[in-house]
Amino acid sequence: MALTRPTIQRITLEATLPDGTPKTYTIDLKEKQIIALFWDDKAIHEILAPFYEGKGYRITAEHMERHFPHAMRLVPSGDAALTPELVGQIWDTPTDKDGTGVAFLAKMGSCPIINDL
């Protein structure tokens, strides 16, 4: 008999912004083909970023602008190799002047990384 698994339909993340404001992220997995979520420095730098070592994946400036406008300077023109260093820089670059970073990164089955949905 073939192995079957329950299908996860939706994930809800409850976060608290640095100013204490609550924020809820709801991810509809029917719409987004997300296979993993990362919200911790160690997980980003030791699991997600190393995944991209030597894979040859690219990230376009358009993808950066849409999902990581705070880090556009990391991909000044066209597209760039999606390397462990770039993933770490995207994670470690503040999204605004108060030093707040993205809440999480999500890995899609098609391989680009995305954040705040």
PDB file of N, CA and C in Angstrom:
ATOM      1  N   MET A   1       0.849  -1.180   0.000  1.00  0.00           N
ATOM      2  CA  MET A   1       0.000   0.000   0.000  1.00  0.00           C
ATOM      3  C   MET A   1       0.896   1.246   0.000  1.00  0.00           C
ATOM      4  N   ALA A   2       0.529   2.231  -0.799  1.00  0.00           N
ATOM      5  CA  ALA A   2       1.284   3.484  -0.889  1.00  0.00           C
ATOM      6  C   ALA A   2       1.089   4.322   0.370  1.00  0.00           C
ATOM      7  N   LEU A   3       2.139   4.989   0.765  1.00  0.00           N
ATOM      8  CA  LEU A   3       2.084   5.875   1.925  1.00  0.00           C
ATOM      9  C   LEU A   3       1.305   7.140   1.569  1.00  0.00           C
ATOM     10  N   THR A   4       0.402   7.522   2.424  1.00  0.00           N
ATOM     11  CA  THR A   4      -0.324   8.778   2.247  1.00  0.00           C
ATOM     12  C   THR A   4      -0.068   9.658   3.450  1.00  0.00           C
ATOM     13  N   ARG A   5      -0.193  10.960   3.251  1.00  0.00           N
ATOM     14  CA  ARG A   5       0.022  11.919   4.340  1.00  0.00           C
ATOM     15  C   ARG A   5      -1.120  12.910   4.368  1.00  0.00           C
ATOM     16  N   PRO A   6      -1.370  13.476   5.538  1.00  0.00           N
ATOM     17  CA  PRO A   6      -2.332  14.574   5.591  1.00  0.00           C
ATOM     18  C   PRO A   6      -1.796  15.739   4.753  1.00  0.00           C
ATOM     19  N   THR A   7      -2.672  16.540   4.227  1.00  0.00           N
ATOM     20  CA  THR A   7      -2.282  17.706   3.441  1.00  0.00           C
ATOM     21  C   THR A   7      -2.464  18.955   4.294  1.00  0.00           C
ATOM     22  N   ILE A   8      -1.382  19.681   4.495  1.00  0.00           N
ATOM     23  CA  ILE A   8      -1.442  20.935   5.236  1.00  0.00           C
ATOM     24  C   ILE A   8      -2.000  21.991   4.282  1.00  0.00           C
ATOM     25  N   GLN A   9      -3.058  22.667   4.673  1.00  0.00           N
ATOM     26  CA  GLN A   9      -3.742  23.632   3.825  1.00  0.00           C
ATOM     27  C   GLN A   9      -3.303  25.078   4.077  1.00  0.00           C
ATOM     28  N   ARG A  10      -3.056  25.403   5.345  1.00  0.00           N
ATOM     29  CA  ARG A  10      -2.794  26.800   5.711  1.00  0.00           C
ATOM     30  C   ARG A  10      -1.885  26.821   6.944  1.00  0.00           C
ATOM     31  N   ILE A  11      -1.002  27.805   6.961  1.00  0.00           N
ATOM     32  CA  ILE A  11      -0.132  28.025   8.115  1.00  0.00           C
ATOM     33  C   ILE A  11      -0.352  29.452   8.583  1.00  0.00           C
ATOM     34  N   THR A  12      -0.515  29.628   9.880  1.00  0.00           N
ATOM     35  CA  THR A  12      -0.658  30.956  10.462  1.00  0.00           C
ATOM     36  C   THR A  12       0.513  31.207  11.392  1.00  0.00           C
ATOM     37  N   LEU A  13       1.198  32.318  11.171  1.00  0.00           N
ATOM     38  CA  LEU A  13       2.317  32.730  12.019  1.00  0.00           C
ATOM     39  C   LEU A  13       1.892  33.970  12.783  1.00  0.00           C
ATOM     40  N   GLU A  14       2.043  33.941  14.083  1.00  0.00           N
ATOM     41  CA  GLU A  14       1.735  35.111  14.902  1.00  0.00           C
ATOM     42  C   GLU A  14       3.043  35.702  15.384  1.00  0.00           C
ATOM     43  N   ALA A  15       3.302  36.925  14.965  1.00  0.00           N
ATOM     44  CA  ALA A  15       4.553  37.603  15.291  1.00  0.00           C
ATOM     45  C   ALA A  15       4.260  38.850  16.120  1.00  0.00           C
ATOM     46  N   THR A  16       5.294  39.345  16.787  1.00  0.00           N
ATOM     47  CA  THR A  16       5.218  40.614  17.490  1.00  0.00           C
ATOM     48  C   THR A  16       6.306  41.510  16.913  1.00  0.00           C
ATOM     49  N   LEU A  17       5.914  42.646  16.356  1.00  0.00           N
ATOM     50  CA  LEU A  17       6.873  43.594  15.804  1.00  0.00           C
ATOM     51  C   LEU A  17       7.686  44.217  16.939  1.00  0.00           C
ATOM     52  N   PRO A  18       8.846  44.780  16.623  1.00  0.00           N
ATOM     53  CA  PRO A  18       9.690  45.365  17.676  1.00  0.00           C
ATOM     54  C   PRO A  18       8.985  46.405  18.547  1.00  0.00           C
ATOM     55  N   ASP A  19       7.988  47.110  17.992  1.00  0.00           N
ATOM     56  CA  ASP A  19       7.268  48.113  18.784  1.00  0.00           C
ATOM     57  C   ASP A  19       6.136  47.504  19.613  1.00  0.00           C
ATOM     58  N   GLY A  20       6.023  46.157  19.576  1.00  0.00           N
ATOM     59  CA  GLY A  20       5.008  45.475  20.354  1.00  0.00           C
ATOM     60  C   GLY A  20       3.714  45.188  19.606  1.00  0.00           C
ATOM     61  N   THR A  21       3.592  45.690  18.393  1.00  0.00           N
ATOM     62  CA  THR A  21       2.394  45.478  17.598  1.00  0.00           C
ATOM     63  C   THR A  21       2.318  44.024  17.133  1.00  0.00           C
ATOM     64  N   PRO A  22       1.176  43.372  17.334  1.00  0.00           N
ATOM     65  CA  PRO A  22       1.053  42.006  16.820  1.00  0.00           C
ATOM     66  C   PRO A  22       0.844  42.012  15.309  1.00  0.00           C
ATOM     67  N   LYS A  23       1.370  41.005  14.649  1.00  0.00           N
ATOM     68  CA  LYS A  23       1.180  40.859  13.199  1.00  0.00           C
ATOM     69  C   LYS A  23       0.962  39.384  12.914  1.00  0.00           C
ATOM     70  N   THR A  24      -0.037  39.104  12.106  1.00  0.00           N
ATOM     71  CA  THR A  24      -0.335  37.728  11.730  1.00  0.00           C
ATOM     72  C   THR A  24      -0.072  37.543  10.246  1.00  0.00           C
ATOM     73  N   TYR A  25       0.651  36.500   9.928  1.00  0.00           N
ATOM     74  CA  TYR A  25       0.901  36.102   8.546  1.00  0.00           C
ATOM     75  C   TYR A  25       0.120  34.812   8.330  1.00  0.00           C
ATOM     76  N   THR A  26      -0.713  34.782   7.315  1.00  0.00           N
ATOM     77  CA  THR A  26      -1.440  33.564   6.969  1.00  0.00           C
ATOM     78  C   THR A  26      -0.989  33.124   5.588  1.00  0.00           C
ATOM     79  N   ILE A  27      -0.521  31.911   5.507  1.00  0.00           N
ATOM     80  CA  ILE A  27      -0.001  31.385   4.249  1.00  0.00           C
ATOM     81  C   ILE A  27      -0.946  30.293   3.763  1.00  0.00           C
ATOM     82  N   ASP A  28      -1.574  30.535   2.634  1.00  0.00           N
ATOM     83  CA  ASP A  28      -2.465  29.566   2.019  1.00  0.00           C
ATOM     84  C   ASP A  28      -1.617  28.679   1.114  1.00  0.00           C
ATOM     85  N   LEU A  29      -1.436  27.450   1.515  1.00  0.00           N
ATOM     86  CA  LEU A  29      -0.557  26.553   0.772  1.00  0.00           C
ATOM     87  C   LEU A  29      -1.168  26.040  -0.528  1.00  0.00           C
ATOM     88  N   LYS A  30      -2.441  26.327  -0.753  1.00  0.00           N
ATOM     89  CA  LYS A  30      -3.041  26.005  -2.047  1.00  0.00           C
ATOM     90  C   LYS A  30      -2.552  26.996  -3.105  1.00  0.00           C
ATOM     91  N   GLU A  31      -2.261  28.227  -2.658  1.00  0.00           N
ATOM     92  CA  GLU A  31      -1.798  29.275  -3.573  1.00  0.00           C
ATOM     93  C   GLU A  31      -0.276  29.316  -3.687  1.00  0.00           C
ATOM     94  N   LYS A  32       0.411  29.130  -2.589  1.00  0.00           N
ATOM     95  CA  LYS A  32       1.870  29.228  -2.547  1.00  0.00           C
ATOM     96  C   LYS A  32       2.459  27.833  -2.386  1.00  0.00           C
ATOM     97  N   GLN A  33       3.394  27.512  -3.205  1.00  0.00           N
ATOM     98  CA  GLN A  33       4.031  26.197  -3.145  1.00  0.00           C
ATOM     99  C   GLN A  33       5.238  26.227  -2.212  1.00  0.00           C
ATOM    100  N   ILE A  34       4.992  26.570  -0.963  1.00  0.00           N
ATOM    101  CA  ILE A  34       6.057  26.680   0.033  1.00  0.00           C
ATOM    102  C   ILE A  34       6.329  25.312   0.631  1.00  0.00           C
ATOM    103  N   ILE A  35       7.619  24.977   0.726  1.00  0.00           N
ATOM    104  CA  ILE A  35       7.974  23.687   1.303  1.00  0.00           C
ATOM    105  C   ILE A  35       8.691  23.808   2.641  1.00  0.00           C
ATOM    106  N   ALA A  36       9.120  25.026   3.002  1.00  0.00           N
ATOM    107  CA  ALA A  36       9.791  25.204   4.290  1.00  0.00           C
ATOM    108  C   ALA A  36       9.769  26.672   4.694  1.00  0.00           C
ATOM    109  N   LEU A  37       9.681  26.908   6.006  1.00  0.00           N
ATOM    110  CA  LEU A  37       9.746  28.253   6.580  1.00  0.00           C
ATOM    111  C   LEU A  37      10.938  28.340   7.519  1.00  0.00           C
ATOM    112  N   PHE A  38      11.600  29.498   7.509  1.00  0.00           N
ATOM    113  CA  PHE A  38      12.766  29.732   8.350  1.00  0.00           C
ATOM    114  C   PHE A  38      12.603  31.090   9.025  1.00  0.00           C
ATOM    115  N   TRP A  39      12.699  31.149  10.336  1.00  0.00           N
ATOM    116  CA  TRP A  39      12.505  32.408  11.055  1.00  0.00           C
ATOM    117  C   TRP A  39      13.553  32.646  12.132  1.00  0.00           C
ATOM    118  N   ASP A  40      14.629  31.920  12.090  1.00  0.00           N
ATOM    119  CA  ASP A  40      15.651  31.990  13.119  1.00  0.00           C
ATOM    120  C   ASP A  40      17.023  32.157  12.472  1.00  0.00           C
ATOM    121  N   ASP A  41      17.889  32.973  13.087  1.00  0.00           N
ATOM    122  CA  ASP A  41      19.215  33.212  12.519  1.00  0.00           C
ATOM    123  C   ASP A  41      19.963  31.913  12.238  1.00  0.00           C
ATOM    124  N   LYS A  42      19.960  31.014  13.205  1.00  0.00           N
ATOM    125  CA  LYS A  42      20.687  29.758  13.047  1.00  0.00           C
ATOM    126  C   LYS A  42      20.117  28.939  11.888  1.00  0.00           C
ATOM    127  N   ALA A  43      18.798  28.870  11.781  1.00  0.00           N
ATOM    128  CA  ALA A  43      18.173  28.112  10.687  1.00  0.00           C
ATOM    129  C   ALA A  43      18.502  28.727   9.330  1.00  0.00           C
ATOM    130  N   ILE A  44      18.500  30.057   9.257  1.00  0.00           N
ATOM    131  CA  ILE A  44      18.835  30.725   7.997  1.00  0.00           C
ATOM    132  C   ILE A  44      20.279  30.435   7.605  1.00  0.00           C
ATOM    133  N   HIS A  45      21.204  30.681   8.545  1.00  0.00           N
ATOM    134  CA  HIS A  45      22.627  30.593   8.228  1.00  0.00           C
ATOM    135  C   HIS A  45      23.176  29.171   8.176  1.00  0.00           C
ATOM    136  N   GLU A  46      22.543  28.232   8.880  1.00  0.00           N
ATOM    137  CA  GLU A  46      23.084  26.874   8.908  1.00  0.00           C
ATOM    138  C   GLU A  46      22.289  25.861   8.079  1.00  0.00           C
ATOM    139  N   ILE A  47      21.049  26.193   7.706  1.00  0.00           N
ATOM    140  CA  ILE A  47      20.243  25.248   6.934  1.00  0.00           C
ATOM    141  C   ILE A  47      19.862  25.826   5.573  1.00  0.00           C
ATOM    142  N   LEU A  48      19.148  26.973   5.571  1.00  0.00           N
ATOM    143  CA  LEU A  48      18.667  27.524   4.304  1.00  0.00           C
ATOM    144  C   LEU A  48      19.809  28.021   3.425  1.00  0.00           C
ATOM    145  N   ALA A  49      20.630  28.912   3.918  1.00  0.00           N
ATOM    146  CA  ALA A  49      21.700  29.495   3.085  1.00  0.00           C
ATOM    147  C   ALA A  49      22.622  28.424   2.498  1.00  0.00           C
ATOM    148  N   PRO A  50      23.112  27.462   3.292  1.00  0.00           N
ATOM    149  CA  PRO A  50      24.001  26.448   2.711  1.00  0.00           C
ATOM    150  C   PRO A  50      23.358  25.602   1.604  1.00  0.00           C
ATOM    151  N   PHE A  51      22.044  25.501   1.608  1.00  0.00           N
ATOM    152  CA  PHE A  51      21.356  24.756   0.557  1.00  0.00           C
ATOM    153  C   PHE A  51      21.731  25.281  -0.826  1.00  0.00           C
ATOM    154  N   TYR A  52      21.970  26.575  -0.952  1.00  0.00           N
ATOM    155  CA  TYR A  52      22.220  27.204  -2.248  1.00  0.00           C
ATOM    156  C   TYR A  52      23.672  27.101  -2.713  1.00  0.00           C
ATOM    157  N   GLU A  53      24.548  26.525  -1.913  1.00  0.00           N
ATOM    158  CA  GLU A  53      25.958  26.396  -2.281  1.00  0.00           C
ATOM    159  C   GLU A  53      26.111  25.552  -3.545  1.00  0.00           C
ATOM    160  N   GLY A  54      26.681  26.170  -4.578  1.00  0.00           N
ATOM    161  CA  GLY A  54      27.014  25.454  -5.796  1.00  0.00           C
ATOM    162  C   GLY A  54      25.840  24.962  -6.635  1.00  0.00           C
ATOM    163  N   LYS A  55      24.624  25.412  -6.335  1.00  0.00           N
ATOM    164  CA  LYS A  55      23.455  24.927  -7.071  1.00  0.00           C
ATOM    165  C   LYS A  55      23.266  25.630  -8.422  1.00  0.00           C
ATOM    166  N   GLY A  56      23.818  26.821  -8.563  1.00  0.00           N
ATOM    167  CA  GLY A  56      23.678  27.551  -9.812  1.00  0.00           C
ATOM    168  C   GLY A  56      22.359  28.285  -9.968  1.00  0.00           C
ATOM    169  N   TYR A  57      21.574  28.393  -8.897  1.00  0.00           N
ATOM    170  CA  TYR A  57      20.312  29.127  -8.973  1.00  0.00           C
ATOM    171  C   TYR A  57      20.587  30.615  -9.078  1.00  0.00           C
ATOM    172  N   ARG A  58      19.655  31.323  -9.723  1.00  0.00           N
ATOM    173  CA  ARG A  58      19.767  32.770  -9.899  1.00  0.00           C
ATOM    174  C   ARG A  58      18.554  33.429  -9.288  1.00  0.00           C
ATOM    175  N   ILE A  59      18.705  34.686  -8.910  1.00  0.00           N
ATOM    176  CA  ILE A  59      17.577  35.485  -8.435  1.00  0.00           C
ATOM    177  C   ILE A  59      17.565  36.763  -9.259  1.00  0.00           C
ATOM    178  N   THR A  60      16.399  37.122  -9.766  1.00  0.00           N
ATOM    179  CA  THR A  60      16.307  38.295 -10.633  1.00  0.00           C
ATOM    180  C   THR A  60      16.153  39.567  -9.801  1.00  0.00           C
ATOM    181  N   ALA A  61      16.513  40.679 -10.431  1.00  0.00           N
ATOM    182  CA  ALA A  61      16.311  41.974  -9.784  1.00  0.00           C
ATOM    183  C   ALA A  61      14.820  42.196  -9.539  1.00  0.00           C
ATOM    184  N   GLU A  62      13.973  41.719 -10.452  1.00  0.00           N
ATOM    185  CA  GLU A  62      12.520  41.850 -10.290  1.00  0.00           C
ATOM    186  C   GLU A  62      12.037  41.099  -9.040  1.00  0.00           C
ATOM    187  N   HIS A  63      12.558  39.883  -8.827  1.00  0.00           N
ATOM    188  CA  HIS A  63      12.193  39.113  -7.639  1.00  0.00           C
ATOM    189  C   HIS A  63      12.666  39.841  -6.379  1.00  0.00           C
ATOM    190  N   MET A  64      13.895  40.356  -6.445  1.00  0.00           N
ATOM    191  CA  MET A  64      14.431  41.104  -5.300  1.00  0.00           C
ATOM    192  C   MET A  64      13.558  42.316  -5.006  1.00  0.00           C
ATOM    193  N   GLU A  65      13.203  43.067  -6.043  1.00  0.00           N
ATOM    194  CA  GLU A  65      12.410  44.277  -5.848  1.00  0.00           C
ATOM    195  C   GLU A  65      11.031  43.949  -5.259  1.00  0.00           C
ATOM    196  N   ARG A  66      10.443  42.858  -5.717  1.00  0.00           N
ATOM    197  CA  ARG A  66       9.111  42.477  -5.245  1.00  0.00           C
ATOM    198  C   ARG A  66       9.126  41.965  -3.807  1.00  0.00           C
ATOM    199  N   HIS A  67      10.123  41.134  -3.471  1.00  0.00           N
ATOM    200  CA  HIS A  67      10.128  40.476  -2.168  1.00  0.00           C
ATOM    201  C   HIS A  67      11.129  41.050  -1.172  1.00  0.00           C
ATOM    202  N   PHE A  68      12.203  41.636  -1.652  1.00  0.00           N
ATOM    203  CA  PHE A  68      13.258  42.138  -0.772  1.00  0.00           C
ATOM    204  C   PHE A  68      13.703  43.546  -1.162  1.00  0.00           C
ATOM    205  N   PRO A  69      12.790  44.508  -1.256  1.00  0.00           N
ATOM    206  CA  PRO A  69      13.197  45.851  -1.694  1.00  0.00           C
ATOM    207  C   PRO A  69      14.257  46.455  -0.780  1.00  0.00           C
ATOM    208  N   HIS A  70      14.264  46.040   0.462  1.00  0.00           N
ATOM    209  CA  HIS A  70      15.252  46.545   1.418  1.00  0.00           C
ATOM    210  C   HIS A  70      16.678  46.118   1.066  1.00  0.00           C
ATOM    211  N   ALA A  71      16.813  45.095   0.226  1.00  0.00           N
ATOM    212  CA  ALA A  71      18.129  44.561  -0.103  1.00  0.00           C
ATOM    213  C   ALA A  71      18.473  44.693  -1.584  1.00  0.00           C
ATOM    214  N   MET A  72      17.784  45.579  -2.286  1.00  0.00           N
ATOM    215  CA  MET A  72      18.017  45.751  -3.722  1.00  0.00           C
ATOM    216  C   MET A  72      19.471  46.081  -4.058  1.00  0.00           C
ATOM    217  N   ARG A  73      20.141  46.788  -3.195  1.00  0.00           N
ATOM    218  CA  ARG A  73      21.531  47.157  -3.470  1.00  0.00           C
ATOM    219  C   ARG A  73      22.433  45.933  -3.612  1.00  0.00           C
ATOM    220  N   LEU A  74      21.973  44.776  -3.114  1.00  0.00           N
ATOM    221  CA  LEU A  74      22.767  43.553  -3.208  1.00  0.00           C
ATOM    222  C   LEU A  74      22.757  42.972  -4.615  1.00  0.00           C
ATOM    223  N   VAL A  75      21.764  43.362  -5.425  1.00  0.00           N
ATOM    224  CA  VAL A  75      21.649  42.913  -6.816  1.00  0.00           C
ATOM    225  C   VAL A  75      21.466  44.176  -7.657  1.00  0.00           C
ATOM    226  N   PRO A  76      22.558  44.887  -7.941  1.00  0.00           N
ATOM    227  CA  PRO A  76      22.456  46.195  -8.579  1.00  0.00           C
ATOM    228  C   PRO A  76      21.878  46.196  -9.982  1.00  0.00           C
ATOM    229  N   SER A  77      22.068  45.140 -10.733  1.00  0.00           N
ATOM    230  CA  SER A  77      21.507  45.132 -12.083  1.00  0.00           C
ATOM    231  C   SER A  77      21.249  43.685 -12.518  1.00  0.00           C
ATOM    232  N   GLY A  78      20.183  43.529 -13.275  1.00  0.00           N
ATOM    233  CA  GLY A  78      19.887  42.203 -13.811  1.00  0.00           C
ATOM    234  C   GLY A  78      19.602  41.187 -12.730  1.00  0.00           C
ATOM    235  N   ASP A  79      20.299  40.063 -12.800  1.00  0.00           N
ATOM    236  CA  ASP A  79      20.097  39.039 -11.801  1.00  0.00           C
ATOM    237  C   ASP A  79      21.436  38.674 -11.172  1.00  0.00           C
ATOM    238  N   ALA A  80      21.376  37.818 -10.160  1.00  0.00           N
ATOM    239  CA  ALA A  80      22.589  37.457  -9.429  1.00  0.00           C
ATOM    240  C   ALA A  80      22.516  35.992  -9.038  1.00  0.00           C
ATOM    241  N   ALA A  81      23.674  35.431  -8.789  1.00  0.00           N
ATOM    242  CA  ALA A  81      23.725  34.064  -8.280  1.00  0.00           C
ATOM    243  C   ALA A  81      23.089  34.042  -6.897  1.00  0.00           C
ATOM    244  N   LEU A  82      22.243  33.063  -6.669  1.00  0.00           N
ATOM    245  CA  LEU A  82      21.610  32.895  -5.359  1.00  0.00           C
ATOM    246  C   LEU A  82      22.547  32.023  -4.535  1.00  0.00           C
ATOM    247  N   THR A  83      23.405  32.676  -3.777  1.00  0.00           N
ATOM    248  CA  THR A  83      24.457  32.010  -3.011  1.00  0.00           C
ATOM    249  C   THR A  83      24.130  32.033  -1.523  1.00  0.00           C
ATOM    250  N   PRO A  84      24.821  31.224  -0.734  1.00  0.00           N
ATOM    251  CA  PRO A  84      24.641  31.298   0.718  1.00  0.00           C
ATOM    252  C   PRO A  84      24.899  32.709   1.248  1.00  0.00           C
ATOM    253  N   GLU A  85      25.894  33.372   0.677  1.00  0.00           N
ATOM    254  CA  GLU A  85      26.211  34.736   1.132  1.00  0.00           C
ATOM    255  C   GLU A  85      25.056  35.688   0.865  1.00  0.00           C
ATOM    256  N   LEU A  86      24.463  35.609  -0.325  1.00  0.00           N
ATOM    257  CA  LEU A  86      23.346  36.496  -0.659  1.00  0.00           C
ATOM    258  C   LEU A  86      22.144  36.210   0.227  1.00  0.00           C
ATOM    259  N   VAL A  87      21.825  34.950   0.469  1.00  0.00           N
ATOM    260  CA  VAL A  87      20.709  34.611   1.361  1.00  0.00           C
ATOM    261  C   VAL A  87      20.959  35.202   2.741  1.00  0.00           C
ATOM    262  N   GLY A  88      22.169  35.054   3.258  1.00  0.00           N
ATOM    263  CA  GLY A  88      22.508  35.621   4.567  1.00  0.00           C
ATOM    264  C   GLY A  88      22.401  37.137   4.585  1.00  0.00           C
ATOM    265  N   GLN A  89      22.838  37.779   3.503  1.00  0.00           N
ATOM    266  CA  GLN A  89      22.757  39.237   3.430  1.00  0.00           C
ATOM    267  C   GLN A  89      21.296  39.705   3.361  1.00  0.00           C
ATOM    268  N   ILE A  90      20.459  38.995   2.614  1.00  0.00           N
ATOM    269  CA  ILE A  90      19.044  39.355   2.557  1.00  0.00           C
ATOM    270  C   ILE A  90      18.446  39.279   3.960  1.00  0.00           C
ATOM    271  N   TRP A  91      18.755  38.219   4.675  1.00  0.00           N
ATOM    272  CA  TRP A  91      18.226  38.018   6.029  1.00  0.00           C
ATOM    273  C   TRP A  91      18.747  39.085   6.994  1.00  0.00           C
ATOM    274  N   ASP A  92      20.017  39.443   6.863  1.00  0.00           N
ATOM    275  CA  ASP A  92      20.664  40.341   7.826  1.00  0.00           C
ATOM    276  C   ASP A  92      20.533  41.820   7.487  1.00  0.00           C
ATOM    277  N   THR A  93      19.931  42.165   6.351  1.00  0.00           N
ATOM    278  CA  THR A  93      19.768  43.558   5.965  1.00  0.00           C
ATOM    279  C   THR A  93      18.466  44.107   6.553  1.00  0.00           C
ATOM    280  N   PRO A  94      18.545  45.197   7.327  1.00  0.00           N
ATOM    281  CA  PRO A  94      17.312  45.778   7.897  1.00  0.00           C
ATOM    282  C   PRO A  94      16.330  46.216   6.812  1.00  0.00           C
ATOM    283  N   THR A  95      15.054  46.086   7.116  1.00  0.00           N
ATOM    284  CA  THR A  95      14.017  46.491   6.170  1.00  0.00           C
ATOM    285  C   THR A  95      13.663  47.966   6.313  1.00  0.00           C
ATOM    286  N   ASP A  96      14.068  48.569   7.422  1.00  0.00           N
ATOM    287  CA  ASP A  96      13.787  49.985   7.627  1.00  0.00           C
ATOM    288  C   ASP A  96      14.848  50.608   8.520  1.00  0.00           C
ATOM    289  N   LYS A  97      14.717  51.906   8.744  1.00  0.00           N
ATOM    290  CA  LYS A  97      15.732  52.665   9.471  1.00  0.00           C
ATOM    291  C   LYS A  97      15.862  52.264  10.937  1.00  0.00           C
ATOM    292  N   ASP A  98      14.821  51.641  11.505  1.00  0.00           N
ATOM    293  CA  ASP A  98      14.919  51.262  12.924  1.00  0.00           C
ATOM    294  C   ASP A  98      15.635  49.929  13.125  1.00  0.00           C
ATOM    295  N   GLY A  99      16.085  49.312  12.029  1.00  0.00           N
ATOM    296  CA  GLY A  99      16.870  48.093  12.147  1.00  0.00           C
ATOM    297  C   GLY A  99      16.060  46.808  12.153  1.00  0.00           C
ATOM    298  N   THR A 100      14.779  46.888  11.859  1.00  0.00           N
ATOM    299  CA  THR A 100      13.941  45.694  11.815  1.00  0.00           C
ATOM    300  C   THR A 100      14.254  44.881  10.568  1.00  0.00           C
ATOM    301  N   GLY A 101      14.336  43.570  10.720  1.00  0.00           N
ATOM    302  CA  GLY A 101      14.569  42.686   9.593  1.00  0.00           C
ATOM    303  C   GLY A 101      13.289  41.976   9.191  1.00  0.00           C
ATOM    304  N   VAL A 102      13.363  41.156   8.144  1.00  0.00           N
ATOM    305  CA  VAL A 102      12.199  40.368   7.741  1.00  0.00           C
ATOM    306  C   VAL A 102      11.884  39.365   8.835  1.00  0.00           C
ATOM    307  N   ALA A 103      10.614  38.974   8.930  1.00  0.00           N
ATOM    308  CA  ALA A 103      10.175  38.048   9.976  1.00  0.00           C
ATOM    309  C   ALA A 103      10.571  36.612   9.664  1.00  0.00           C
ATOM    310  N   PHE A 104      10.548  36.254   8.398  1.00  0.00           N
ATOM    311  CA  PHE A 104      10.860  34.884   8.011  1.00  0.00           C
ATOM    312  C   PHE A 104      11.213  34.840   6.530  1.00  0.00           C
ATOM    313  N   LEU A 105      11.843  33.767   6.134  1.00  0.00           N
ATOM    314  CA  LEU A 105      12.050  33.462   4.726  1.00  0.00           C
ATOM    315  C   LEU A 105      11.347  32.147   4.448  1.00  0.00           C
ATOM    316  N   ALA A 106      10.772  32.035   3.279  1.00  0.00           N
ATOM    317  CA  ALA A 106      10.082  30.820   2.881  1.00  0.00           C
ATOM    318  C   ALA A 106      10.759  30.259   1.642  1.00  0.00           C
ATOM    319  N   LYS A 107      10.935  28.958   1.611  1.00  0.00           N
ATOM    320  CA  LYS A 107      11.511  28.309   0.437  1.00  0.00           C
ATOM    321  C   LYS A 107      10.385  27.658  -0.340  1.00  0.00           C
ATOM    322  N   MET A 108      10.347  27.979  -1.606  1.00  0.00           N
ATOM    323  CA  MET A 108       9.336  27.396  -2.479  1.00  0.00           C
ATOM    324  C   MET A 108       9.929  26.179  -3.180  1.00  0.00           C
ATOM    325  N   GLY A 109       9.087  25.288  -3.595  1.00  0.00           N
ATOM    326  CA  GLY A 109       9.546  24.101  -4.288  1.00  0.00           C
ATOM    327  C   GLY A 109      10.301  24.417  -5.571  1.00  0.00           C
ATOM    328  N   SER A 110       9.969  25.543  -6.200  1.00  0.00           N
ATOM    329  CA  SER A 110      10.642  25.938  -7.431  1.00  0.00           C
ATOM    330  C   SER A 110      11.986  26.595  -7.170  1.00  0.00           C
ATOM    331  N   CYS A 111      12.338  26.772  -5.923  1.00  0.00           N
ATOM    332  CA  CYS A 111      13.646  27.177  -5.434  1.00  0.00           C
ATOM    333  C   CYS A 111      13.924  28.616  -5.070  1.00  0.00           C
ATOM    334  N   PRO A 112      13.296  29.623  -5.631  1.00  0.00           N
ATOM    335  CA  PRO A 112      13.606  30.948  -5.127  1.00  0.00           C
ATOM    336  C   PRO A 112      13.158  31.082  -3.674  1.00  0.00           C
ATOM    337  N   ILE A 113      13.777  31.983  -2.982  1.00  0.00           N
ATOM    338  CA  ILE A 113      13.332  32.256  -1.614  1.00  0.00           C
ATOM    339  C   ILE A 113      12.410  33.459  -1.635  1.00  0.00           C
ATOM    340  N   ILE A 114      11.460  33.479  -0.760  1.00  0.00           N
ATOM    341  CA  ILE A 114      10.582  34.626  -0.644  1.00  0.00           C
ATOM    342  C   ILE A 114      10.406  34.948   0.826  1.00  0.00           C
ATOM    343  N   ASN A 115       9.877  36.115   1.123  1.00  0.00           N
ATOM    344  CA  ASN A 115       9.635  36.447   2.527  1.00  0.00           C
ATOM    345  C   ASN A 115       8.201  36.837   2.700  1.00  0.00           C
ATOM    346  N   ASP A 116       7.975  37.787   3.553  1.00  0.00           N
ATOM    347  CA  ASP A 116       6.685  38.354   3.923  1.00  0.00           C
ATOM    348  C   ASP A 116       5.680  38.268   2.779  1.00  0.00           C
ATOM    349  N   LEU A 117       4.744  37.370   2.898  1.00  0.00           N
ATOM    350  CA  LEU A 117       3.785  37.110   1.834  1.00  0.00           C
ATOM    351  C   LEU A 117       2.653  38.089   1.883  1.00  0.00           C
TER     352      LEU A 117
END
